[in-house]
Amino acid sequence: MIRQVQNSFITKENCMKLFSNITIPVGRYCNATHDGSSCWPPTLAGTEVKQRCPTLPDLELNPLQFVYRRCGLDGEWSDIKDAHIVFQKTLYEECFIKGPSLESLNQNAKISNILGIVLLLVSLITIFVALLIYYVVLPKFVNGILHVRVQKHLFVSVIFDATTKLTIQILLLFQLHKIATVEITFAHEFLATMKQYSDLAIILWLANDAHFLQVISRSGQICNSGYMTYIVMGWGLPIVPTSVWAVSMAVSHKVKDWTGHTESPLIWIMEIPKLLALLTAFSFLGVTSYRVFTRTKHTKHKTNLDVRKIRYDVLMSGLFYLVILVSVLFVMIITHARIKCISCSYISTILSSSHGVLLSILYCFLNNNVHTYIKYSQTVLPVTA
């Protein structure tokens, strides 16, 4: 037997208050519950209850269709097996009746998920290899150079970002393939917070890298001061907007596990600092490019400044900054414009999951400056030993 109830979005606290004074008849009943979006009344064991699909600000659901919950014979809400879209034991399949078939959506999500996991694993492997080259192959004095120390922090921020995203993708893999039922709300919310933090940390370390280049291009001298300032800017500053965003989400976003959080207006608490940090990085890089390509040839610091080396650093950094910018803007556009396309999903996955590969290639594997240091360690150092 299916019983229909009226659906109107209320908070979990109000849902519990709504049914707190109701006297339940003799027999087995499932207790009133809240699944993060809909409030469900006490329901007789062995029956199914339905209500209209909820109207949520962050998800496009069909309001003419229904969501379902089943009360088992034991008086406990039952898991709904052999279904594609089940959230907190609530069946949502009918709500997505518009657009591509559920089979198609599920298959594309699996492909995108596996693609993301593979790219993130490759990113982590290439970054660790690059760091191994820095610490083992390059001379020890190179690792003490401030610019190299800043770049290594950039590598660490990408490792942190890739690890967070990989964990999220693995949890999604379990859910898509029904390997396990993952309903740890805190874990999902914590990972969403760490992802926002790591995204901003990468961009701020890019800004630190660009700032260092413009300082060298101005003074013509190798600078070794300001390391702690870079640490505060790269790792400390992202804590502020991330904390504000997380608290705002906890207070205002009533969807369980923060589902759809990237489409919430609150995400601009993080998006605006990302854009400002990218703009700052490109500004520093632009100033550096101007000085290196037009002015440094004629300054008195010409003999102290390796123009070719900085020119190469600017080129490699600029390419990586551009990819980060395209990645951030692309995700923003398809998310806030609510663009639904399979190719967009794949492109977004590739852009956001391959930062480590590109960083390792530009900053290490194809970096002429790194090659120069390696040749130095293989020729000069053994002779002088």
Protein backbone atom coordinates (compact mmCIF):
# COMPACT_ATOMS: atom_id res chain seq x y z
CA MET A 1 0.00 0.00 0.00
CA ILE A 2 1.32 3.43 -0.94
CA ARG A 3 0.25 6.41 1.13
CA GLN A 4 0.77 9.95 -0.13
CA VAL A 5 1.70 12.86 2.12
CA GLN A 6 2.11 16.53 1.34
CA ASN A 7 5.67 17.69 0.83
CA SER A 8 6.83 21.07 2.05
CA PHE A 9 10.47 21.71 2.89
CA ILE A 10 11.13 22.17 6.59
CA THR A 11 14.24 21.77 8.69
CA LYS A 12 15.06 18.60 10.60
CA GLU A 13 14.34 20.30 13.92
CA ASN A 14 10.89 21.50 12.83
CA CYS A 15 10.17 18.08 11.32
CA MET A 16 10.79 16.38 14.66
CA LYS A 17 8.65 18.97 16.48
CA LEU A 18 5.83 18.47 13.99
CA PHE A 19 5.36 14.83 14.96
CA SER A 20 6.57 14.92 18.57
CA ASN A 21 3.06 15.11 20.08
CA ILE A 22 1.37 12.62 17.74
CA THR A 23 0.06 9.47 19.42
CA ILE A 24 1.02 6.43 17.35
CA PRO A 25 -1.61 3.62 17.29
CA VAL A 26 -0.78 0.15 18.54
CA GLY A 27 1.42 -1.75 16.10
CA ARG A 28 4.78 -1.42 14.44
CA TYR A 29 5.57 1.96 12.93
CA CYS A 30 8.67 3.57 11.46
CA ASN A 31 9.56 6.72 13.37
CA ALA A 32 9.24 10.16 11.80
CA THR A 33 12.45 11.13 10.03
CA HIS A 34 14.09 13.80 7.90
CA ASP A 35 16.29 12.79 4.95
CA GLY A 36 17.95 16.17 4.47
CA SER A 37 15.31 17.55 2.12
CA SER A 38 11.93 15.99 2.99
CA CYS A 39 10.08 15.34 6.23
CA TRP A 40 8.50 11.88 6.62
CA PRO A 41 5.72 11.08 9.12
CA PRO A 42 5.42 7.94 11.27
CA THR A 43 4.53 5.15 8.84
CA LEU A 44 2.86 1.78 9.39
CA ALA A 45 5.21 -1.20 9.04
CA GLY A 46 5.00 -2.96 5.69
CA THR A 47 3.77 0.09 3.77
CA GLU A 48 5.28 2.60 1.38
CA VAL A 49 4.79 6.35 1.62
CA LYS A 50 5.31 8.94 -1.10
CA GLN A 51 5.27 12.69 -1.56
CA ARG A 52 5.99 15.17 -4.31
CA CYS A 53 9.61 15.75 -5.25
CA PRO A 54 11.00 18.53 -3.05
CA THR A 55 11.79 21.95 -4.46
CA LEU A 56 15.43 22.62 -3.70
CA PRO A 57 17.45 25.72 -4.65
CA ASP A 58 20.45 23.71 -5.84
CA LEU A 59 18.86 20.84 -7.78
CA GLU A 60 16.49 20.72 -10.73
CA LEU A 61 13.83 18.17 -9.75
CA ASN A 62 10.51 17.48 -11.43
CA PRO A 63 7.84 18.78 -8.99
CA LEU A 64 5.13 16.69 -10.69
CA GLN A 65 6.77 13.39 -9.76
CA PHE A 66 7.20 11.59 -6.43
CA VAL A 67 9.82 10.43 -3.94
CA TYR A 68 9.27 7.21 -1.97
CA ARG A 69 10.24 5.60 1.31
CA ARG A 70 9.50 2.08 2.53
CA CYS A 71 8.75 1.04 6.10
CA GLY A 72 9.86 -2.55 6.68
CA LEU A 73 7.91 -5.17 8.57
CA ASP A 74 10.27 -4.72 11.49
CA GLY A 75 9.30 -1.06 11.90
CA GLU A 76 12.54 0.28 10.42
CA TRP A 77 12.96 2.35 7.26
CA SER A 78 14.23 0.01 4.52
CA ASP A 79 16.97 0.41 1.95
CA ILE A 80 15.59 0.46 -1.59
CA LYS A 81 17.57 -2.00 -3.68
CA ASP A 82 17.99 -2.17 -7.47
CA ALA A 83 17.47 1.58 -7.90
CA HIS A 84 19.78 4.16 -9.43
CA ILE A 85 19.06 7.27 -7.37
CA VAL A 86 18.53 6.59 -3.67
CA PHE A 87 19.44 9.24 -1.12
CA GLN A 88 19.20 8.51 2.60
CA LYS A 89 16.83 5.57 1.88
CA THR A 90 14.58 7.83 -0.23
CA LEU A 91 13.95 6.89 -3.87
CA TYR A 92 14.44 9.94 -6.14
CA GLU A 93 14.36 8.31 -9.59
CA GLU A 94 11.09 9.86 -10.73
CA CYS A 95 12.35 13.34 -9.89
CA PHE A 96 14.94 13.10 -12.68
CA ILE A 97 12.51 11.92 -15.33
CA LYS A 98 13.37 14.88 -17.59
CA GLY A 99 16.49 14.75 -19.74
CA PRO A 100 18.69 11.72 -20.48
CA SER A 101 17.70 8.28 -19.27
CA LEU A 102 18.83 7.22 -15.81
CA GLU A 103 20.92 4.41 -17.32
CA SER A 104 22.73 6.91 -19.54
CA LEU A 105 23.33 9.32 -16.66
CA ASN A 106 24.61 6.54 -14.45
CA GLN A 107 26.94 5.17 -17.14
CA ASN A 108 28.41 8.59 -17.94
CA ALA A 109 28.92 9.28 -14.24
CA LYS A 110 30.84 6.01 -13.90
CA ILE A 111 33.08 6.80 -16.88
CA SER A 112 33.79 10.31 -15.59
CA ASN A 113 34.47 8.89 -12.12
CA ILE A 114 36.98 6.31 -13.37
CA LEU A 115 38.64 8.90 -15.62
CA GLY A 116 39.04 11.23 -12.64
CA ILE A 117 40.54 8.49 -10.44
CA VAL A 118 43.07 7.49 -13.13
CA LEU A 119 44.17 11.09 -13.79
CA LEU A 120 44.47 11.86 -10.07
CA LEU A 121 46.59 8.76 -9.50
CA VAL A 122 48.85 9.71 -12.43
CA SER A 123 49.07 13.25 -11.04
CA LEU A 124 50.15 11.99 -7.61
CA ILE A 125 52.76 9.65 -9.12
CA THR A 126 54.28 12.36 -11.34
CA ILE A 127 54.40 14.88 -8.48
CA PHE A 128 56.15 12.43 -6.16
CA VAL A 129 58.68 11.65 -8.92
CA ALA A 130 59.27 15.39 -9.43
CA LEU A 131 59.80 15.95 -5.69
CA LEU A 132 62.17 12.97 -5.62
CA ILE A 133 64.22 14.65 -8.35
CA TYR A 134 64.30 17.88 -6.35
CA TYR A 135 65.41 16.24 -3.11
CA VAL A 136 67.65 13.44 -4.40
CA VAL A 137 69.03 14.45 -7.80
CA LEU A 138 69.45 18.22 -7.54
CA PRO A 139 72.32 19.67 -5.46
CA LYS A 140 71.46 20.45 -1.85
CA PHE A 141 72.02 24.19 -2.27
CA VAL A 142 69.29 24.29 -4.93
CA ASN A 143 66.65 23.14 -2.44
CA GLY A 144 67.62 26.05 -0.20
CA ILE A 145 66.86 28.67 -2.85
CA LEU A 146 63.72 30.59 -1.90
CA HIS A 147 62.14 30.20 -5.33
CA VAL A 148 62.62 26.43 -5.24
CA ARG A 149 61.16 26.28 -1.72
CA VAL A 150 58.10 28.19 -2.93
CA GLN A 151 57.71 25.83 -5.88
CA LYS A 152 57.94 22.80 -3.59
CA HIS A 153 55.09 24.19 -1.50
CA LEU A 154 53.13 24.55 -4.73
CA PHE A 155 53.80 20.86 -5.38
CA VAL A 156 52.59 19.97 -1.87
CA SER A 157 49.39 22.02 -2.33
CA VAL A 158 48.65 20.09 -5.54
CA ILE A 159 49.32 16.79 -3.71
CA PHE A 160 46.87 17.83 -0.99
CA ASP A 161 44.29 18.82 -3.61
CA ALA A 162 44.71 15.60 -5.62
CA THR A 163 44.48 13.43 -2.49
CA THR A 164 41.26 15.15 -1.39
CA LYS A 165 39.70 14.82 -4.83
CA LEU A 166 40.82 11.19 -5.10
CA THR A 167 39.11 10.38 -1.79
CA ILE A 168 35.92 12.04 -3.00
CA GLN A 169 36.07 10.10 -6.28
CA ILE A 170 36.62 6.79 -4.47
CA LEU A 171 33.58 7.41 -2.25
CA LEU A 172 31.59 8.25 -5.39
CA LEU A 173 32.87 5.04 -7.00
CA PHE A 174 31.50 3.02 -4.09
CA GLN A 175 28.13 4.72 -4.41
CA LEU A 176 27.85 4.43 -8.19
CA HIS A 177 28.78 0.75 -8.21
CA LYS A 178 26.90 0.02 -4.98
CA ILE A 179 30.08 -1.46 -3.47
CA ALA A 180 29.12 0.05 -0.14
CA THR A 181 26.59 2.48 1.25
CA VAL A 182 28.45 5.58 2.37
CA GLU A 183 26.27 7.79 4.54
CA ILE A 184 28.86 9.51 6.74
CA THR A 185 27.63 13.08 6.59
CA PHE A 186 30.62 14.57 8.36
CA ALA A 187 33.05 12.87 5.96
CA HIS A 188 31.33 14.32 2.89
CA GLU A 189 31.14 17.80 4.39
CA PHE A 190 34.76 17.67 5.61
CA LEU A 191 36.00 16.60 2.17
CA ALA A 192 33.98 19.35 0.48
CA THR A 193 35.61 21.87 2.84
CA MET A 194 39.12 20.49 2.23
CA LYS A 195 38.57 20.62 -1.52
CA GLN A 196 37.67 24.31 -1.39
CA TYR A 197 40.68 25.00 0.85
CA SER A 198 43.13 23.15 -1.41
CA ASP A 199 41.79 24.81 -4.57
CA LEU A 200 42.42 28.25 -3.06
CA ALA A 201 45.79 27.20 -1.61
CA ILE A 202 47.06 26.18 -5.07
CA ILE A 203 46.11 29.55 -6.54
CA LEU A 204 47.70 31.48 -3.66
CA TRP A 205 50.96 29.54 -4.02
CA LEU A 206 50.86 30.42 -7.71
CA ALA A 207 50.52 34.06 -6.65
CA ASN A 208 53.51 33.62 -4.29
CA ASP A 209 55.55 32.15 -7.15
CA ALA A 210 54.61 35.05 -9.43
CA HIS A 211 55.42 37.58 -6.70
CA PHE A 212 58.89 36.10 -6.25
CA LEU A 213 59.56 36.39 -9.99
CA GLN A 214 58.56 40.04 -10.09
CA VAL A 215 60.76 40.81 -7.06
CA ILE A 216 63.78 39.28 -8.83
CA SER A 217 62.98 41.10 -12.07
CA ARG A 218 62.89 44.39 -10.17
CA SER A 219 66.00 44.03 -8.01
CA GLY A 220 68.12 41.82 -10.22
CA GLN A 221 69.30 40.00 -7.08
CA ILE A 222 68.46 36.54 -5.74
CA CYS A 223 66.12 37.19 -2.81
CA ASN A 224 66.11 34.83 0.18
CA SER A 225 63.89 36.76 2.61
CA GLY A 226 60.12 36.62 3.08
CA TYR A 227 59.76 32.84 3.36
CA MET A 228 57.44 32.98 6.40
CA THR A 229 55.28 35.59 4.68
CA TYR A 230 54.82 33.19 1.79
CA ILE A 231 53.90 30.42 4.24
CA VAL A 232 51.21 32.59 5.84
CA MET A 233 49.84 33.68 2.47
CA GLY A 234 49.87 30.20 0.96
CA TRP A 235 48.63 28.06 3.83
CA GLY A 236 47.17 30.50 6.36
CA LEU A 237 45.15 32.92 4.23
CA PRO A 238 42.90 30.23 2.66
CA ILE A 239 41.68 29.29 6.15
CA VAL A 240 39.73 32.56 6.46
CA PRO A 241 37.30 32.31 3.49
CA THR A 242 37.12 28.52 3.86
CA SER A 243 36.03 28.83 7.49
CA VAL A 244 33.44 31.48 6.64
CA TRP A 245 32.10 29.30 3.84
CA ALA A 246 31.96 26.13 5.96
CA VAL A 247 30.13 27.88 8.81
CA SER A 248 27.69 29.47 6.36
CA MET A 249 27.02 26.08 4.79
CA ALA A 250 26.45 24.45 8.17
CA VAL A 251 23.96 27.16 9.12
CA SER A 252 22.15 27.80 5.83
CA HIS A 253 22.51 24.78 3.52
CA LYS A 254 19.85 22.34 4.67
CA VAL A 255 20.61 19.55 2.19
CA LYS A 256 22.25 16.53 3.81
CA ASP A 257 25.92 15.89 2.91
CA TRP A 258 25.90 19.39 1.37
CA THR A 259 24.63 17.89 -1.89
CA GLY A 260 24.61 20.55 -4.62
CA HIS A 261 26.89 22.86 -2.63
CA THR A 262 28.74 24.02 -5.75
CA GLU A 263 25.49 25.42 -7.15
CA SER A 264 24.61 27.30 -3.97
CA PRO A 265 25.12 31.11 -3.92
CA LEU A 266 27.29 30.56 -0.83
CA ILE A 267 30.01 29.11 -3.06
CA TRP A 268 30.88 32.67 -4.12
CA ILE A 269 32.48 33.06 -0.69
CA MET A 270 35.19 30.81 -2.17
CA GLU A 271 34.93 31.69 -5.86
CA ILE A 272 35.61 35.42 -5.42
CA PRO A 273 38.91 34.89 -3.50
CA LYS A 274 39.98 32.39 -6.17
CA LEU A 275 39.37 34.89 -8.95
CA LEU A 276 41.10 37.70 -7.03
CA ALA A 277 44.13 35.48 -6.32
CA LEU A 278 44.36 34.47 -9.99
CA LEU A 279 44.09 38.10 -11.06
CA THR A 280 46.89 38.97 -8.61
CA ALA A 281 49.10 36.16 -9.96
CA PHE A 282 48.59 37.28 -13.56
CA SER A 283 49.31 40.89 -12.56
CA PHE A 284 52.65 39.89 -11.00
CA LEU A 285 53.45 37.76 -14.03
CA GLY A 286 52.60 40.62 -16.38
CA VAL A 287 54.86 43.03 -14.52
CA THR A 288 57.66 40.46 -14.56
CA SER A 289 57.23 39.85 -18.29
CA TYR A 290 57.40 43.57 -19.00
CA ARG A 291 60.61 44.01 -17.00
CA VAL A 292 62.31 40.89 -18.35
CA PHE A 293 61.52 41.42 -22.02
CA THR A 294 61.95 45.19 -22.22
CA ARG A 295 63.87 46.71 -19.32
CA THR A 296 66.29 44.25 -17.71
CA LYS A 297 68.59 44.22 -20.72
CA HIS A 298 69.49 47.82 -20.06
CA THR A 299 69.71 47.93 -16.26
CA LYS A 300 72.84 47.98 -14.20
CA HIS A 301 71.81 44.59 -12.79
CA LYS A 302 72.24 42.91 -16.11
CA THR A 303 75.23 40.86 -14.99
CA ASN A 304 73.45 39.72 -11.81
CA LEU A 305 70.21 38.71 -13.46
CA ASP A 306 69.93 35.60 -15.62
CA VAL A 307 67.35 36.96 -18.10
CA ARG A 308 67.03 33.71 -20.00
CA LYS A 309 66.33 31.74 -16.80
CA ILE A 310 63.63 34.11 -15.59
CA ARG A 311 62.16 34.34 -19.07
CA TYR A 312 61.77 30.57 -19.07
CA ASP A 313 60.25 30.61 -15.55
CA VAL A 314 57.72 33.21 -16.70
CA LEU A 315 56.77 31.12 -19.72
CA MET A 316 56.33 27.88 -17.77
CA SER A 317 54.46 29.62 -14.95
CA GLY A 318 52.23 31.46 -17.41
CA LEU A 319 51.19 28.21 -19.09
CA PHE A 320 50.28 26.60 -15.78
CA TYR A 321 48.43 29.73 -14.57
CA LEU A 322 46.45 29.73 -17.80
CA VAL A 323 45.34 26.12 -17.31
CA ILE A 324 44.28 26.85 -13.72
CA LEU A 325 42.36 29.93 -14.87
CA VAL A 326 40.58 28.01 -17.64
CA SER A 327 39.78 25.21 -15.20
CA VAL A 328 38.31 27.57 -12.58
CA LEU A 329 36.29 29.59 -15.08
CA PHE A 330 35.02 26.51 -16.93
CA VAL A 331 33.75 24.89 -13.73
CA MET A 332 32.17 28.19 -12.62
CA ILE A 333 30.38 28.66 -15.94
CA ILE A 334 28.91 25.16 -16.28
CA THR A 335 27.95 25.09 -12.60
CA HIS A 336 26.26 28.46 -12.23
CA ALA A 337 24.79 28.49 -15.75
CA ARG A 338 23.44 24.98 -14.99
CA ILE A 339 24.82 23.62 -18.27
CA LYS A 340 24.13 19.90 -18.48
CA CYS A 341 26.21 18.09 -21.10
CA ILE A 342 28.22 14.90 -21.11
CA SER A 343 31.27 16.42 -22.81
CA CYS A 344 31.31 19.28 -20.27
CA SER A 345 31.47 16.74 -17.46
CA TYR A 346 34.44 14.98 -19.06
CA ILE A 347 36.27 18.25 -19.77
CA SER A 348 35.73 19.42 -16.20
CA THR A 349 37.07 16.12 -14.87
CA ILE A 350 40.17 16.27 -17.08
CA LEU A 351 40.95 19.89 -16.19
CA SER A 352 40.51 19.48 -12.45
CA SER A 353 42.26 16.09 -12.18
CA SER A 354 45.40 16.67 -14.26
CA HIS A 355 46.97 19.64 -12.44
CA GLY A 356 49.68 17.44 -11.00
CA VAL A 357 50.71 16.04 -14.37
CA LEU A 358 50.99 19.47 -15.96
CA LEU A 359 52.78 20.97 -12.95
CA SER A 360 55.38 18.18 -12.95
CA ILE A 361 55.99 18.52 -16.69
CA LEU A 362 56.34 22.32 -16.74
CA TYR A 363 58.17 22.82 -13.45
CA CYS A 364 60.40 19.73 -13.51
CA PHE A 365 60.49 17.24 -16.40
CA LEU A 366 60.71 19.82 -19.23
CA ASN A 367 62.23 22.61 -17.16
CA ASN A 368 65.57 23.69 -18.65
CA ASN A 369 66.62 25.22 -15.34
CA VAL A 370 66.18 21.86 -13.59
CA HIS A 371 68.16 20.20 -16.39
CA THR A 372 70.95 22.72 -15.89
CA TYR A 373 71.14 21.99 -12.16
CA ILE A 374 71.20 18.25 -12.85
CA LYS A 375 74.10 18.66 -15.30
CA TYR A 376 75.87 20.81 -12.72
CA SER A 377 75.49 18.12 -10.05
CA GLN A 378 76.78 15.44 -12.42
CA THR A 379 79.83 17.34 -13.65
CA VAL A 380 81.04 20.03 -11.26
CA LEU A 381 80.24 18.41 -7.93
CA PRO A 382 81.95 15.03 -8.50
CA VAL A 383 85.13 16.79 -9.63
CA THR A 384 85.30 19.03 -6.57
CA ALA A 385 84.49 16.23 -4.15
